[in-house]
């Protein structure tokens, strides 16, 4: 059985996807959708690939700056060397 839904296009070219269509597709705000044009028809489907979701999750810790990591490493090596030399 076919179901239809009608919506209005805004001046900016935006359209609200009707609730029953969103529910059918299983999409929520900020989900990505794909428009497929084929032989005079436009199909809409949710995108669930890794690439589509890249950047949606924030890292727990920000990546460390290499120069600061290197500086800390060099300080630790220097302290270990001083400690070793003082025990001779």
N, C-alpha and C. Protein backbone atom coordinates (compact mmCIF):
# COMPACT_ATOMS: atom_id res chain seq x y z
N UNK A 1 0.84 -1.18 0.00
CA UNK A 1 0.00 0.00 0.00
C UNK A 1 0.89 1.24 0.00
N UNK A 2 0.66 2.14 -0.92
CA UNK A 2 1.43 3.37 -1.01
C UNK A 2 0.87 4.41 -0.05
N UNK A 3 1.79 5.16 0.55
CA UNK A 3 1.41 6.29 1.40
C UNK A 3 2.10 7.50 0.83
N UNK A 4 1.47 8.64 0.94
CA UNK A 4 2.08 9.87 0.45
C UNK A 4 2.15 10.90 1.56
N UNK A 5 3.01 11.87 1.38
CA UNK A 5 3.13 12.98 2.31
C UNK A 5 3.49 14.20 1.49
N UNK A 6 2.91 15.32 1.82
CA UNK A 6 3.15 16.56 1.07
C UNK A 6 3.72 17.59 2.03
N UNK A 7 4.70 18.33 1.55
CA UNK A 7 5.29 19.40 2.34
C UNK A 7 5.54 20.59 1.42
N UNK A 8 5.84 21.74 1.99
CA UNK A 8 6.05 22.96 1.21
C UNK A 8 7.53 23.33 1.19
N UNK A 9 8.01 23.74 0.04
CA UNK A 9 9.39 24.17 -0.13
C UNK A 9 9.50 25.65 0.24
N UNK A 10 10.49 26.00 1.07
CA UNK A 10 10.66 27.40 1.46
C UNK A 10 11.43 28.15 0.38
N UNK A 11 11.54 29.46 0.53
CA UNK A 11 12.29 30.28 -0.42
C UNK A 11 13.76 29.89 -0.46
N UNK A 12 14.28 29.32 0.63
CA UNK A 12 15.67 28.89 0.69
C UNK A 12 15.86 27.48 0.13
N UNK A 13 14.79 26.87 -0.36
CA UNK A 13 14.90 25.53 -0.91
C UNK A 13 14.86 24.44 0.14
N UNK A 14 14.37 24.76 1.32
CA UNK A 14 14.29 23.79 2.41
C UNK A 14 12.89 23.22 2.52
N UNK A 15 12.82 21.97 2.95
CA UNK A 15 11.53 21.32 3.16
C UNK A 15 11.59 20.52 4.45
N UNK A 16 10.52 20.51 5.19
CA UNK A 16 10.43 19.69 6.39
C UNK A 16 9.99 18.30 5.98
N UNK A 17 10.73 17.29 6.44
CA UNK A 17 10.34 15.92 6.15
C UNK A 17 9.20 15.57 7.11
N UNK A 18 8.05 15.21 6.57
CA UNK A 18 6.91 14.92 7.44
C UNK A 18 7.21 13.85 8.48
N UNK A 19 6.56 13.94 9.64
CA UNK A 19 6.81 13.06 10.77
C UNK A 19 6.67 11.58 10.40
N UNK A 20 5.64 11.24 9.63
CA UNK A 20 5.45 9.83 9.29
C UNK A 20 6.58 9.30 8.41
N UNK A 21 7.18 10.17 7.58
CA UNK A 21 8.30 9.76 6.73
C UNK A 21 9.56 9.61 7.59
N UNK A 22 9.79 10.56 8.51
CA UNK A 22 10.94 10.46 9.42
C UNK A 22 10.86 9.17 10.25
N UNK A 23 9.67 8.88 10.72
CA UNK A 23 9.46 7.67 11.52
C UNK A 23 9.72 6.43 10.67
N UNK A 24 9.21 6.41 9.46
CA UNK A 24 9.40 5.27 8.56
C UNK A 24 10.88 5.04 8.25
N UNK A 25 11.62 6.14 8.01
CA UNK A 25 13.05 6.05 7.70
C UNK A 25 13.91 5.84 8.95
N UNK A 26 13.34 6.10 10.11
CA UNK A 26 14.09 5.96 11.35
C UNK A 26 15.15 7.04 11.53
N UNK A 27 14.85 8.24 11.05
CA UNK A 27 15.82 9.34 11.14
C UNK A 27 15.42 10.33 12.23
N UNK A 28 16.44 10.96 12.80
CA UNK A 28 16.26 11.94 13.86
C UNK A 28 17.00 13.21 13.48
N UNK A 29 16.81 14.29 14.23
CA UNK A 29 17.54 15.53 13.94
C UNK A 29 19.04 15.27 13.87
N UNK A 30 19.70 15.88 12.94
CA UNK A 30 21.14 15.81 12.69
C UNK A 30 21.58 14.54 11.96
N UNK A 31 20.66 13.59 11.72
CA UNK A 31 21.01 12.43 10.89
C UNK A 31 21.21 12.91 9.46
N UNK A 32 21.98 12.17 8.72
CA UNK A 32 22.20 12.52 7.31
C UNK A 32 21.29 11.65 6.44
N UNK A 33 20.83 12.26 5.35
CA UNK A 33 20.01 11.53 4.40
C UNK A 33 20.61 11.70 3.02
N UNK A 34 20.32 10.76 2.16
CA UNK A 34 20.85 10.79 0.80
C UNK A 34 19.69 10.90 -0.18
N UNK A 35 19.85 11.73 -1.19
CA UNK A 35 18.88 11.86 -2.26
C UNK A 35 19.45 11.14 -3.48
N UNK A 36 18.71 10.19 -4.01
CA UNK A 36 19.14 9.43 -5.18
C UNK A 36 18.22 9.76 -6.33
N UNK A 37 18.79 10.26 -7.42
CA UNK A 37 17.99 10.60 -8.61
C UNK A 37 18.19 9.50 -9.63
N UNK A 38 17.08 8.88 -10.05
CA UNK A 38 17.16 7.76 -10.98
C UNK A 38 15.91 7.70 -11.84
N UNK A 39 16.08 7.87 -13.15
CA UNK A 39 14.98 7.74 -14.12
C UNK A 39 13.74 8.55 -13.75
N UNK A 40 13.96 9.82 -13.44
CA UNK A 40 12.82 10.69 -13.17
C UNK A 40 12.24 10.58 -11.77
N UNK A 41 12.87 9.79 -10.91
CA UNK A 41 12.40 9.65 -9.52
C UNK A 41 13.50 10.10 -8.58
N UNK A 42 13.08 10.60 -7.44
CA UNK A 42 14.03 10.95 -6.39
C UNK A 42 13.70 10.09 -5.18
N UNK A 43 14.70 9.36 -4.73
CA UNK A 43 14.52 8.51 -3.54
C UNK A 43 15.31 9.13 -2.39
N UNK A 44 14.78 8.96 -1.21
CA UNK A 44 15.44 9.47 0.00
C UNK A 44 15.72 8.27 0.89
N UNK A 45 16.97 8.19 1.39
CA UNK A 45 17.28 7.10 2.31
C UNK A 45 18.27 7.61 3.36
N UNK A 46 18.21 7.03 4.56
CA UNK A 46 19.16 7.43 5.59
C UNK A 46 20.56 6.96 5.23
N UNK A 47 21.56 7.75 5.64
CA UNK A 47 22.96 7.39 5.41
C UNK A 47 23.51 6.87 6.72
N UNK A 48 24.08 5.67 6.69
CA UNK A 48 24.58 5.09 7.93
C UNK A 48 26.03 4.65 7.82
N UNK A 49 26.79 5.24 6.91
CA UNK A 49 28.18 4.86 6.75
C UNK A 49 29.05 5.57 7.78
N UNK A 50 30.22 5.04 8.01
CA UNK A 50 31.16 5.65 8.94
C UNK A 50 31.50 7.07 8.53
N UNK A 51 31.68 7.30 7.22
CA UNK A 51 32.04 8.63 6.74
C UNK A 51 30.96 9.66 7.06
N UNK A 52 29.71 9.23 6.99
CA UNK A 52 28.61 10.16 7.27
C UNK A 52 28.60 10.58 8.73
N UNK A 53 29.09 9.73 9.61
CA UNK A 53 29.06 10.02 11.03
C UNK A 53 30.37 10.56 11.57
N UNK A 54 31.36 10.69 10.70
CA UNK A 54 32.65 11.19 11.11
C UNK A 54 32.50 12.60 11.67
N UNK A 55 33.06 12.83 12.82
CA UNK A 55 33.00 14.15 13.44
C UNK A 55 31.80 14.36 14.33
N UNK A 56 30.91 13.41 14.43
CA UNK A 56 29.72 13.58 15.26
C UNK A 56 30.01 13.32 16.73
N UNK A 57 31.10 12.61 17.01
CA UNK A 57 31.45 12.29 18.39
C UNK A 57 32.71 13.06 18.76
N UNK A 58 32.66 13.76 19.86
CA UNK A 58 33.83 14.50 20.32
C UNK A 58 34.79 13.56 21.04
N UNK A 59 36.09 13.74 20.85
CA UNK A 59 37.04 12.87 21.55
C UNK A 59 37.00 13.14 23.05
N UNK A 60 37.30 12.11 23.84
CA UNK A 60 37.31 12.28 25.30
C UNK A 60 38.42 13.24 25.71
N UNK A 61 39.59 13.09 25.10
CA UNK A 61 40.72 13.97 25.38
C UNK A 61 41.20 14.57 24.07
N UNK A 62 41.55 15.82 24.13
CA UNK A 62 42.07 16.46 22.93
C UNK A 62 43.46 15.90 22.65
N UNK A 63 43.83 15.77 21.40
CA UNK A 63 45.17 15.29 21.08
C UNK A 63 46.22 16.21 21.70
N UNK A 64 47.30 15.59 22.18
CA UNK A 64 48.36 16.38 22.81
C UNK A 64 49.24 17.02 21.74
N UNK A 65 49.79 18.15 22.08
CA UNK A 65 50.68 18.85 21.17
C UNK A 65 52.04 18.17 21.23
N UNK A 66 52.58 17.78 20.08
CA UNK A 66 53.81 16.99 20.03
C UNK A 66 54.97 17.67 20.74
N UNK A 67 55.13 18.98 20.56
CA UNK A 67 56.28 19.66 21.17
C UNK A 67 56.21 19.61 22.69
N UNK A 68 55.01 19.68 23.26
CA UNK A 68 54.87 19.59 24.73
C UNK A 68 55.17 18.18 25.20
N UNK A 69 54.73 17.18 24.45
CA UNK A 69 55.03 15.80 24.80
C UNK A 69 56.53 15.57 24.74
N UNK A 70 57.18 16.06 23.70
CA UNK A 70 58.62 15.92 23.52
C UNK A 70 59.37 16.62 24.66
N UNK A 71 58.93 17.80 25.02
CA UNK A 71 59.57 18.56 26.10
C UNK A 71 59.50 17.78 27.42
N UNK A 72 58.34 17.22 27.71
CA UNK A 72 58.17 16.42 28.93
C UNK A 72 59.07 15.19 28.92
N UNK A 73 59.19 14.55 27.77
CA UNK A 73 60.05 13.38 27.62
C UNK A 73 61.51 13.76 27.87
N UNK A 74 61.95 14.86 27.27
CA UNK A 74 63.35 15.29 27.43
C UNK A 74 63.65 15.65 28.89
N UNK A 75 62.69 16.29 29.58
CA UNK A 75 62.89 16.62 30.99
C UNK A 75 63.02 15.35 31.83
N UNK A 76 62.20 14.36 31.54
CA UNK A 76 62.25 13.10 32.27
C UNK A 76 63.58 12.39 32.04
N UNK A 77 64.06 12.37 30.80
CA UNK A 77 65.36 11.75 30.48
C UNK A 77 66.47 12.49 31.22
N UNK A 78 66.42 13.82 31.25
CA UNK A 78 67.44 14.61 31.94
C UNK A 78 67.44 14.31 33.43
N UNK A 79 66.26 14.23 34.04
CA UNK A 79 66.18 13.92 35.47
C UNK A 79 66.73 12.52 35.77
N UNK A 80 66.41 11.57 34.92
CA UNK A 80 66.93 10.21 35.11
C UNK A 80 68.45 10.20 34.97
N UNK A 81 68.99 10.96 34.04
CA UNK A 81 70.44 11.02 33.82
C UNK A 81 71.13 11.65 35.04
N UNK A 82 70.56 12.74 35.56
CA UNK A 82 71.11 13.40 36.75
C UNK A 82 71.11 12.44 37.92
N UNK A 83 69.99 11.74 38.11
CA UNK A 83 69.88 10.78 39.20
C UNK A 83 70.94 9.67 39.05
N UNK A 84 71.12 9.16 37.85
CA UNK A 84 72.09 8.10 37.60
C UNK A 84 73.50 8.60 37.84
N UNK A 85 73.82 9.80 37.36
CA UNK A 85 75.17 10.36 37.53
C UNK A 85 75.49 10.66 38.99
N UNK A 86 74.49 11.03 39.76
CA UNK A 86 74.73 11.37 41.17
C UNK A 86 74.93 10.12 42.02
N UNK A 87 74.54 8.95 41.53
CA UNK A 87 74.71 7.70 42.26
C UNK A 87 76.04 7.02 41.96
N UNK A 88 76.82 7.56 41.07
CA UNK A 88 78.09 6.92 40.68
C UNK A 88 79.12 7.03 41.76
